[in-house]
């Protein structure tokens, strides 16, 4: 099955955007970011990163959580198991995917068979600290602390599944923020960024960013240009380095960086104030 625009499912079984009630990029009409939102069920399985889980909005305690302004109930993500805590009623896993850390609770069924180890209040033998796991579950909050109630948690057998999931989560995020890809590299939605089209705005030669540059301030453009041109390591540049290079006050650089982060044009690396340019 094809997402549209050259994206198709794989054999990893996640298929957060497909099969299990997800969206098909080619089936949504138009090229606006909001296209097709009303037709999506809240029970659609949403692939995401842990940072998206932690940043999800909730208008009031009884409301559904929202990611990219879309209501979500079922979600899936991958993460490295940092800690396992076994209690009488549940097993709590602390997972880290590089974007954040979240607790995942799997409730113990007293009548569960011991073949999985759950009946003995022990995690399945394949789930050990230091290994990666995939989670399917619901985002919940209790006492102002968020956790994911897991329906299923299983070990990641093929490490390529980690890369696949992060790409899928990125694709779905871009779909909702910029619209679906159009067949043949049209100009709608995300196609301008994904297919490398150029409009030459602000002298930017990257097709994936030229369109967004019109949506950010002049200071944000200066910060982005600095990140693009200044020599740097894989960790990117710290706010202090950028401020010194372009002679801009640090608070203004931070504000400009926030604009670029919101537009998914840069990303944080070793800390919240070290940025690198996101290349498509």
C-alpha atoms as a PDB file:
ATOM      1  CA  UNK A   1       0.000   0.000   0.000  1.00  0.00           C
ATOM      2  CA  UNK A   2       1.223   3.463  -0.881  1.00  0.00           C
ATOM      3  CA  UNK A   3       1.134   6.628   1.226  1.00  0.00           C
ATOM      4  CA  UNK A   4       1.093   8.774  -1.894  1.00  0.00           C
ATOM      5  CA  UNK A   5       4.075  10.767  -3.146  1.00  0.00           C
ATOM      6  CA  UNK A   6       6.316   7.711  -3.124  1.00  0.00           C
ATOM      7  CA  UNK A   7       5.805   6.553   0.486  1.00  0.00           C
ATOM      8  CA  UNK A   8       4.734   2.988   1.192  1.00  0.00           C
ATOM      9  CA  UNK A   9       4.348   0.624   4.135  1.00  0.00           C
ATOM     10  CA  UNK A  10       6.989  -1.828   5.305  1.00  0.00           C
ATOM     11  CA  UNK A  11       7.039  -5.174   7.057  1.00  0.00           C
ATOM     12  CA  UNK A  12       7.769  -3.772  10.527  1.00  0.00           C
ATOM     13  CA  UNK A  13       4.118  -3.871  11.528  1.00  0.00           C
ATOM     14  CA  UNK A  14       3.928  -0.323  12.906  1.00  0.00           C
ATOM     15  CA  UNK A  15       2.022   1.305  10.046  1.00  0.00           C
ATOM     16  CA  UNK A  16       0.807   4.055  12.345  1.00  0.00           C
ATOM     17  CA  UNK A  17      -0.509   6.057   9.452  1.00  0.00           C
ATOM     18  CA  UNK A  18      -1.785   3.113   7.426  1.00  0.00           C
ATOM     19  CA  UNK A  19      -3.795  -0.028   7.712  1.00  0.00           C
ATOM     20  CA  UNK A  20      -4.918   0.287  11.321  1.00  0.00           C
ATOM     21  CA  UNK A  21      -7.209   3.244  10.701  1.00  0.00           C
ATOM     22  CA  UNK A  22      -4.594   5.735   9.545  1.00  0.00           C
ATOM     23  CA  UNK A  23      -4.486   8.142   6.633  1.00  0.00           C
ATOM     24  CA  UNK A  24      -3.362   7.749   3.062  1.00  0.00           C
ATOM     25  CA  UNK A  25      -1.499  10.759   1.725  1.00  0.00           C
ATOM     26  CA  UNK A  26      -3.038  10.335  -1.722  1.00  0.00           C
ATOM     27  CA  UNK A  27      -6.597  10.103  -0.370  1.00  0.00           C
ATOM     28  CA  UNK A  28      -6.774  13.525   1.218  1.00  0.00           C
ATOM     29  CA  UNK A  29      -8.194  16.201  -1.036  1.00  0.00           C
ATOM     30  CA  UNK A  30      -6.406  19.479  -1.602  1.00  0.00           C
ATOM     31  CA  UNK A  31      -3.013  20.594  -0.388  1.00  0.00           C
ATOM     32  CA  UNK A  32      -3.867  22.547   2.736  1.00  0.00           C
ATOM     33  CA  UNK A  33      -2.437  21.390   6.087  1.00  0.00           C
ATOM     34  CA  UNK A  34      -5.965  21.105   7.494  1.00  0.00           C
ATOM     35  CA  UNK A  35      -7.219  18.967   4.629  1.00  0.00           C
ATOM     36  CA  UNK A  36      -8.958  15.797   5.759  1.00  0.00           C
ATOM     37  CA  UNK A  37      -8.606  16.473   9.471  1.00  0.00           C
ATOM     38  CA  UNK A  38     -12.326  16.233  10.175  1.00  0.00           C
ATOM     39  CA  UNK A  39     -12.460  12.779   8.614  1.00  0.00           C
ATOM     40  CA  UNK A  40      -9.763  11.313  10.842  1.00  0.00           C
ATOM     41  CA  UNK A  41     -10.947   9.274  13.793  1.00  0.00           C
ATOM     42  CA  UNK A  42      -9.573  10.035  17.221  1.00  0.00           C
ATOM     43  CA  UNK A  43      -8.722   6.335  17.434  1.00  0.00           C
ATOM     44  CA  UNK A  44      -6.298   6.554  14.521  1.00  0.00           C
ATOM     45  CA  UNK A  45      -2.961   5.061  15.531  1.00  0.00           C
ATOM     46  CA  UNK A  46      -0.509   7.982  15.570  1.00  0.00           C
ATOM     47  CA  UNK A  47       3.243   7.376  15.221  1.00  0.00           C
ATOM     48  CA  UNK A  48       5.155   9.947  17.247  1.00  0.00           C
ATOM     49  CA  UNK A  49       8.301  10.736  19.181  1.00  0.00           C
ATOM     50  CA  UNK A  50       8.459  10.955  22.959  1.00  0.00           C
ATOM     51  CA  UNK A  51       8.952  14.726  22.712  1.00  0.00           C
ATOM     52  CA  UNK A  52       5.642  14.952  20.888  1.00  0.00           C
ATOM     53  CA  UNK A  53       4.057  12.927  23.680  1.00  0.00           C
ATOM     54  CA  UNK A  54       5.438  15.285  26.320  1.00  0.00           C
ATOM     55  CA  UNK A  55       4.494  18.406  24.321  1.00  0.00           C
ATOM     56  CA  UNK A  56       0.963  17.241  23.509  1.00  0.00           C
ATOM     57  CA  UNK A  57      -1.640  19.837  24.466  1.00  0.00           C
ATOM     58  CA  UNK A  58      -4.741  19.218  26.574  1.00  0.00           C
ATOM     59  CA  UNK A  59      -7.279  22.083  26.791  1.00  0.00           C
ATOM     60  CA  UNK A  60      -8.726  20.760  30.070  1.00  0.00           C
ATOM     61  CA  UNK A  61      -8.250  17.629  32.217  1.00  0.00           C
ATOM     62  CA  UNK A  62     -11.149  15.751  30.593  1.00  0.00           C
ATOM     63  CA  UNK A  63     -10.194  16.639  27.015  1.00  0.00           C
ATOM     64  CA  UNK A  64      -8.325  14.450  24.569  1.00  0.00           C
ATOM     65  CA  UNK A  65      -4.659  15.200  24.016  1.00  0.00           C
ATOM     66  CA  UNK A  66      -3.650  16.875  20.770  1.00  0.00           C
ATOM     67  CA  UNK A  67      -0.487  16.526  18.707  1.00  0.00           C
ATOM     68  CA  UNK A  68      -0.115  19.001  15.824  1.00  0.00           C
ATOM     69  CA  UNK A  69      -3.599  20.236  16.798  1.00  0.00           C
ATOM     70  CA  UNK A  70      -5.050  16.771  16.034  1.00  0.00           C
ATOM     71  CA  UNK A  71      -6.810  14.770  18.746  1.00  0.00           C
ATOM     72  CA  UNK A  72      -5.013  11.511  19.509  1.00  0.00           C
ATOM     73  CA  UNK A  73      -5.883   8.592  21.723  1.00  0.00           C
ATOM     74  CA  UNK A  74      -3.911   5.687  20.292  1.00  0.00           C
ATOM     75  CA  UNK A  75      -0.202   6.203  19.679  1.00  0.00           C
ATOM     76  CA  UNK A  76       2.936   4.223  18.979  1.00  0.00           C
ATOM     77  CA  UNK A  77       6.617   5.023  19.487  1.00  0.00           C
ATOM     78  CA  UNK A  78       9.973   3.357  20.045  1.00  0.00           C
ATOM     79  CA  UNK A  79      12.481   3.951  22.816  1.00  0.00           C
ATOM     80  CA  UNK A  80      15.426   2.502  24.680  1.00  0.00           C
ATOM     81  CA  UNK A  81      14.504   0.986  28.033  1.00  0.00           C
ATOM     82  CA  UNK A  82      16.346   2.930  30.734  1.00  0.00           C
ATOM     83  CA  UNK A  83      14.681   1.390  33.765  1.00  0.00           C
ATOM     84  CA  UNK A  84      12.175  -1.333  34.636  1.00  0.00           C
ATOM     85  CA  UNK A  85      10.194  -1.153  37.885  1.00  0.00           C
ATOM     86  CA  UNK A  86       7.983  -4.119  38.795  1.00  0.00           C
ATOM     87  CA  UNK A  87       5.097  -3.512  41.186  1.00  0.00           C
ATOM     88  CA  UNK A  88       2.103  -5.513  42.365  1.00  0.00           C
ATOM     89  CA  UNK A  89      -0.325  -4.116  39.820  1.00  0.00           C
ATOM     90  CA  UNK A  90       1.886  -2.945  36.965  1.00  0.00           C
ATOM     91  CA  UNK A  91       5.295  -2.916  35.361  1.00  0.00           C
ATOM     92  CA  UNK A  92       6.694   0.560  34.675  1.00  0.00           C
ATOM     93  CA  UNK A  93       9.235   1.065  31.905  1.00  0.00           C
ATOM     94  CA  UNK A  94      11.158   4.305  31.453  1.00  0.00           C
ATOM     95  CA  UNK A  95      11.798   4.785  27.723  1.00  0.00           C
ATOM     96  CA  UNK A  96      14.122   7.255  25.988  1.00  0.00           C
ATOM     97  CA  UNK A  97      14.188   7.809  22.200  1.00  0.00           C
ATOM     98  CA  UNK A  98      16.687  10.681  22.138  1.00  0.00           C
ATOM     99  CA  UNK A  99      13.976  13.353  22.091  1.00  0.00           C
ATOM    100  CA  UNK A 100      12.716  12.804  25.632  1.00  0.00           C
ATOM    101  CA  UNK A 101      11.925  10.301  28.381  1.00  0.00           C
ATOM    102  CA  UNK A 102       8.513   8.980  29.372  1.00  0.00           C
ATOM    103  CA  UNK A 103       7.116   6.315  31.691  1.00  0.00           C
ATOM    104  CA  UNK A 104       5.155   3.461  30.169  1.00  0.00           C
ATOM    105  CA  UNK A 105       2.891   1.454  32.448  1.00  0.00           C
ATOM    106  CA  UNK A 106       1.693  -2.033  31.575  1.00  0.00           C
ATOM    107  CA  UNK A 107      -0.958  -3.285  33.945  1.00  0.00           C
ATOM    108  CA  UNK A 108      -0.663  -6.850  35.149  1.00  0.00           C
ATOM    109  CA  UNK A 109      -3.496  -9.250  34.434  1.00  0.00           C
ATOM    110  CA  UNK A 110      -3.786 -11.573  37.416  1.00  0.00           C
ATOM    111  CA  UNK A 111      -5.101 -14.310  35.146  1.00  0.00           C
ATOM    112  CA  UNK A 112      -2.396 -13.937  32.528  1.00  0.00           C
ATOM    113  CA  UNK A 113      -0.475 -17.022  31.642  1.00  0.00           C
ATOM    114  CA  UNK A 114       3.058 -17.320  32.939  1.00  0.00           C
ATOM    115  CA  UNK A 115       4.390 -18.023  29.458  1.00  0.00           C
ATOM    116  CA  UNK A 116       5.127 -14.308  29.024  1.00  0.00           C
ATOM    117  CA  UNK A 117       6.389 -13.894  32.551  1.00  0.00           C
ATOM    118  CA  UNK A 118       3.645 -11.367  33.341  1.00  0.00           C
ATOM    119  CA  UNK A 119       1.711 -13.682  35.584  1.00  0.00           C
ATOM    120  CA  UNK A 120       4.719 -13.782  37.903  1.00  0.00           C
ATOM    121  CA  UNK A 121       4.857  -9.956  38.079  1.00  0.00           C
ATOM    122  CA  UNK A 122       7.955  -9.988  35.900  1.00  0.00           C
ATOM    123  CA  UNK A 123       8.514  -8.277  32.560  1.00  0.00           C
ATOM    124  CA  UNK A 124       8.799 -10.513  29.483  1.00  0.00           C
ATOM    125  CA  UNK A 125      12.336 -11.866  29.296  1.00  0.00           C
ATOM    126  CA  UNK A 126      12.988 -10.080  25.974  1.00  0.00           C
ATOM    127  CA  UNK A 127      12.366  -6.661  27.569  1.00  0.00           C
ATOM    128  CA  UNK A 128      15.580  -5.738  29.370  1.00  0.00           C
ATOM    129  CA  UNK A 129      17.256  -2.477  30.258  1.00  0.00           C
ATOM    130  CA  UNK A 130      19.386  -1.076  27.464  1.00  0.00           C
ATOM    131  CA  UNK A 131      17.352  -2.683  24.685  1.00  0.00           C
ATOM    132  CA  UNK A 132      14.848  -0.927  22.420  1.00  0.00           C
ATOM    133  CA  UNK A 133      11.123  -1.549  22.526  1.00  0.00           C
ATOM    134  CA  UNK A 134       8.021  -0.488  20.603  1.00  0.00           C
ATOM    135  CA  UNK A 135       4.944   0.658  22.493  1.00  0.00           C
ATOM    136  CA  UNK A 136       1.302   0.833  21.494  1.00  0.00           C
ATOM    137  CA  UNK A 137      -0.895   2.624  24.015  1.00  0.00           C
ATOM    138  CA  UNK A 138      -2.755   5.704  25.227  1.00  0.00           C
ATOM    139  CA  UNK A 139      -1.401   8.948  26.634  1.00  0.00           C
ATOM    140  CA  UNK A 140      -2.661   9.576  30.154  1.00  0.00           C
ATOM    141  CA  UNK A 141      -2.100  12.082  32.951  1.00  0.00           C
ATOM    142  CA  UNK A 142      -2.293  11.579  36.712  1.00  0.00           C
ATOM    143  CA  UNK A 143      -1.352  14.170  39.324  1.00  0.00           C
ATOM    144  CA  UNK A 144       0.026  16.427  36.565  1.00  0.00           C
ATOM    145  CA  UNK A 145       2.398  13.673  35.429  1.00  0.00           C
ATOM    146  CA  UNK A 146       2.089  12.095  32.025  1.00  0.00           C
ATOM    147  CA  UNK A 147       2.570   8.455  31.227  1.00  0.00           C
ATOM    148  CA  UNK A 148       1.551   6.030  28.522  1.00  0.00           C
ATOM    149  CA  UNK A 149      -0.734   3.153  29.354  1.00  0.00           C
ATOM    150  CA  UNK A 150       0.590   0.341  27.167  1.00  0.00           C
ATOM    151  CA  UNK A 151      -1.719  -2.040  25.359  1.00  0.00           C
ATOM    152  CA  UNK A 152       1.300  -3.814  23.898  1.00  0.00           C
ATOM    153  CA  UNK A 153       5.024  -3.436  24.405  1.00  0.00           C
ATOM    154  CA  UNK A 154       7.477  -5.630  22.562  1.00  0.00           C
ATOM    155  CA  UNK A 155      11.224  -5.652  21.905  1.00  0.00           C
ATOM    156  CA  UNK A 156      12.613  -4.191  18.677  1.00  0.00           C
ATOM    157  CA  UNK A 157      14.257  -7.080  16.879  1.00  0.00           C
ATOM    158  CA  UNK A 158      15.499  -5.146  13.842  1.00  0.00           C
ATOM    159  CA  UNK A 159      17.248  -1.862  14.638  1.00  0.00           C
ATOM    160  CA  UNK A 160      16.181  -0.506  11.240  1.00  0.00           C
ATOM    161  CA  UNK A 161      12.703  -0.310  12.743  1.00  0.00           C
ATOM    162  CA  UNK A 162      13.958   2.598  14.877  1.00  0.00           C
ATOM    163  CA  UNK A 163      14.965   4.585  11.795  1.00  0.00           C
ATOM    164  CA  UNK A 164      11.772   3.623  10.009  1.00  0.00           C
ATOM    165  CA  UNK A 165       9.621   4.797  12.910  1.00  0.00           C
ATOM    166  CA  UNK A 166      11.373   8.167  13.219  1.00  0.00           C
ATOM    167  CA  UNK A 167      10.930   8.738   9.488  1.00  0.00           C
ATOM    168  CA  UNK A 168       7.268   7.767   9.691  1.00  0.00           C
ATOM    169  CA  UNK A 169       6.693  10.086  12.670  1.00  0.00           C
ATOM    170  CA  UNK A 170       8.397  12.907  10.751  1.00  0.00           C
ATOM    171  CA  UNK A 171       6.295  12.248   7.661  1.00  0.00           C
ATOM    172  CA  UNK A 172       3.025  12.308   9.614  1.00  0.00           C
ATOM    173  CA  UNK A 173       4.071  15.489  11.438  1.00  0.00           C
ATOM    174  CA  UNK A 174       4.901  17.207   8.144  1.00  0.00           C
ATOM    175  CA  UNK A 175       1.638  15.991   6.636  1.00  0.00           C
ATOM    176  CA  UNK A 176      -0.409  17.743   9.302  1.00  0.00           C
ATOM    177  CA  UNK A 177       1.779  20.851   9.425  1.00  0.00           C
ATOM    178  CA  UNK A 178       2.301  21.422   5.671  1.00  0.00           C
ATOM    179  CA  UNK A 179      -0.173  19.224   3.833  1.00  0.00           C
ATOM    180  CA  UNK A 180       0.169  15.976   1.864  1.00  0.00           C
ATOM    181  CA  UNK A 181       2.710  15.296  -0.839  1.00  0.00           C
ATOM    182  CA  UNK A 182       1.345  15.642  -4.347  1.00  0.00           C
ATOM    183  CA  UNK A 183       2.094  13.036  -7.021  1.00  0.00           C
ATOM    184  CA  UNK A 184       4.680  14.162  -9.529  1.00  0.00           C
ATOM    185  CA  UNK A 185       6.275  16.789  -7.281  1.00  0.00           C
ATOM    186  CA  UNK A 186       3.496  19.384  -7.346  1.00  0.00           C
ATOM    187  CA  UNK A 187       3.692  22.657  -5.478  1.00  0.00           C
ATOM    188  CA  UNK A 188       1.125  21.837  -2.805  1.00  0.00           C
ATOM    189  CA  UNK A 189       1.758  21.379   0.901  1.00  0.00           C
ATOM    190  CA  UNK A 190       4.922  19.566   1.830  1.00  0.00           C
ATOM    191  CA  UNK A 191       5.821  18.742  -1.759  1.00  0.00           C
ATOM    192  CA  UNK A 192       7.707  22.013  -2.135  1.00  0.00           C
ATOM    193  CA  UNK A 193       9.975  21.036   0.751  1.00  0.00           C
ATOM    194  CA  UNK A 194      10.292  17.295   0.092  1.00  0.00           C
ATOM    195  CA  UNK A 195      10.955  17.603  -3.636  1.00  0.00           C
ATOM    196  CA  UNK A 196      13.482  20.403  -3.289  1.00  0.00           C
ATOM    197  CA  UNK A 197      11.666  23.112  -5.224  1.00  0.00           C
ATOM    198  CA  UNK A 198      13.278  26.542  -5.140  1.00  0.00           C
ATOM    199  CA  UNK A 199      11.745  29.976  -5.272  1.00  0.00           C
ATOM    200  CA  UNK A 200      14.914  31.928  -4.452  1.00  0.00           C
ATOM    201  CA  UNK A 201      13.319  33.829  -1.581  1.00  0.00           C
ATOM    202  CA  UNK A 202      15.833  35.585   0.656  1.00  0.00           C
ATOM    203  CA  UNK A 203      18.637  34.066  -1.402  1.00  0.00           C
ATOM    204  CA  UNK A 204      17.981  30.642   0.114  1.00  0.00           C
ATOM    205  CA  UNK A 205      18.905  27.820  -2.239  1.00  0.00           C
ATOM    206  CA  UNK A 206      17.290  25.003  -0.252  1.00  0.00           C
ATOM    207  CA  UNK A 207      13.897  24.079  -1.703  1.00  0.00           C
ATOM    208  CA  UNK A 208      12.785  22.567   1.600  1.00  0.00           C
ATOM    209  CA  UNK A 209      13.209  25.861   3.455  1.00  0.00           C
ATOM    210  CA  UNK A 210      12.704  28.646   0.918  1.00  0.00           C
ATOM    211  CA  UNK A 211       8.939  28.488   1.234  1.00  0.00           C
ATOM    212  CA  UNK A 212       9.018  28.623   5.056  1.00  0.00           C
ATOM    213  CA  UNK A 213      11.385  31.599   5.169  1.00  0.00           C
ATOM    214  CA  UNK A 214       8.489  33.869   4.299  1.00  0.00           C
ATOM    215  CA  UNK A 215       6.775  32.851   7.540  1.00  0.00           C
ATOM    216  CA  UNK A 216       9.559  33.851   9.937  1.00  0.00           C
ATOM    217  CA  UNK A 217      11.036  37.143  11.090  1.00  0.00           C
ATOM    218  CA  UNK A 218      14.159  38.813   9.748  1.00  0.00           C
ATOM    219  CA  UNK A 219      16.076  37.793  12.884  1.00  0.00           C
ATOM    220  CA  UNK A 220      15.072  34.178  12.357  1.00  0.00           C
ATOM    221  CA  UNK A 221      16.366  34.369   8.787  1.00  0.00           C
ATOM    222  CA  UNK A 222      19.715  35.692  10.039  1.00  0.00           C
ATOM    223  CA  UNK A 223      20.003  32.872  12.581  1.00  0.00           C
ATOM    224  CA  UNK A 224      19.121  30.271   9.956  1.00  0.00           C
ATOM    225  CA  UNK A 225      21.644  31.715   7.491  1.00  0.00           C
ATOM    226  CA  UNK A 226      24.306  31.570  10.208  1.00  0.00           C
ATOM    227  CA  UNK A 227      23.535  27.900  10.885  1.00  0.00           C
ATOM    228  CA  UNK A 228      23.671  27.224   7.163  1.00  0.00           C
ATOM    229  CA  UNK A 229      26.999  28.924   6.450  1.00  0.00           C
ATOM    230  CA  UNK A 230      29.108  28.800   9.634  1.00  0.00           C
ATOM    231  CA  UNK A 231      31.430  25.743   9.935  1.00  0.00           C
ATOM    232  CA  UNK A 232      30.267  23.431  12.722  1.00  0.00           C
ATOM    233  CA  UNK A 233      30.341  19.880  14.048  1.00  0.00           C
ATOM    234  CA  UNK A 234      27.449  17.434  13.940  1.00  0.00           C
ATOM    235  CA  UNK A 235      26.265  18.962  17.218  1.00  0.00           C
ATOM    236  CA  UNK A 236      25.510  22.267  15.500  1.00  0.00           C
ATOM    237  CA  UNK A 237      26.024  25.694  17.069  1.00  0.00           C
ATOM    238  CA  UNK A 238      25.313  27.028  20.540  1.00  0.00           C
ATOM    239  CA  UNK A 239      23.200  30.147  21.022  1.00  0.00           C
ATOM    240  CA  UNK A 240      26.227  32.049  22.351  1.00  0.00           C
ATOM    241  CA  UNK A 241      28.247  31.276  19.206  1.00  0.00           C
ATOM    242  CA  UNK A 242      25.418  32.381  16.940  1.00  0.00           C
ATOM    243  CA  UNK A 243      24.860  35.588  18.927  1.00  0.00           C
ATOM    244  CA  UNK A 244      28.561  36.469  18.742  1.00  0.00           C
ATOM    245  CA  UNK A 245      28.782  35.749  15.024  1.00  0.00           C
ATOM    246  CA  UNK A 246      25.760  37.765  13.900  1.00  0.00           C
ATOM    247  CA  UNK A 247      26.109  40.365  16.706  1.00  0.00           C
ATOM    248  CA  UNK A 248      22.621  39.869  18.071  1.00  0.00           C
ATOM    249  CA  UNK A 249      21.577  39.796  21.759  1.00  0.00           C
ATOM    250  CA  UNK A 250      21.193  36.269  23.103  1.00  0.00           C
ATOM    251  CA  UNK A 251      17.485  36.719  24.029  1.00  0.00           C
ATOM    252  CA  UNK A 252      16.758  37.774  20.445  1.00  0.00           C
ATOM    253  CA  UNK A 253      18.650  34.761  19.105  1.00  0.00           C
ATOM    254  CA  UNK A 254      16.648  32.457  21.418  1.00  0.00           C
ATOM    255  CA  UNK A 255      13.393  34.031  20.222  1.00  0.00           C
ATOM    256  CA  UNK A 256      14.453  33.619  16.592  1.00  0.00           C
ATOM    257  CA  UNK A 257      15.462  30.032  17.278  1.00  0.00           C
ATOM    258  CA  UNK A 258      12.030  29.295  18.730  1.00  0.00           C
ATOM    259  CA  UNK A 259      10.472  30.490  15.458  1.00  0.00           C
ATOM    260  CA  UNK A 260      12.714  28.166  13.460  1.00  0.00           C
ATOM    261  CA  UNK A 261      11.988  25.247  15.798  1.00  0.00           C
ATOM    262  CA  UNK A 262       8.245  25.784  15.384  1.00  0.00           C
ATOM    263  CA  UNK A 263       8.707  25.700  11.608  1.00  0.00           C
ATOM    264  CA  UNK A 264      10.745  22.460  11.874  1.00  0.00           C
ATOM    265  CA  UNK A 265      13.647  24.172  10.125  1.00  0.00           C
ATOM    266  CA  UNK A 266      16.167  23.450  12.898  1.00  0.00           C
ATOM    267  CA  UNK A 267      16.384  20.996  15.782  1.00  0.00           C
ATOM    268  CA  UNK A 268      18.042  20.856  19.183  1.00  0.00           C
ATOM    269  CA  UNK A 269      21.043  18.567  19.683  1.00  0.00           C
ATOM    270  CA  UNK A 270      23.035  18.234  22.912  1.00  0.00           C
ATOM    271  CA  UNK A 271      20.825  20.718  24.814  1.00  0.00           C
ATOM    272  CA  UNK A 272      17.952  23.142  24.278  1.00  0.00           C
ATOM    273  CA  UNK A 273      20.299  25.955  23.225  1.00  0.00           C
ATOM    274  CA  UNK A 274      22.413  24.054  20.703  1.00  0.00           C
ATOM    275  CA  UNK A 275      20.847  23.886  17.264  1.00  0.00           C
ATOM    276  CA  UNK A 276      21.513  22.302  13.900  1.00  0.00           C
ATOM    277  CA  UNK A 277      19.823  22.873  10.567  1.00  0.00           C
ATOM    278  CA  UNK A 278      17.259  20.299   9.490  1.00  0.00           C
ATOM    279  CA  UNK A 279      18.031  19.176   5.967  1.00  0.00           C
ATOM    280  CA  UNK A 280      15.433  17.363   3.870  1.00  0.00           C
END
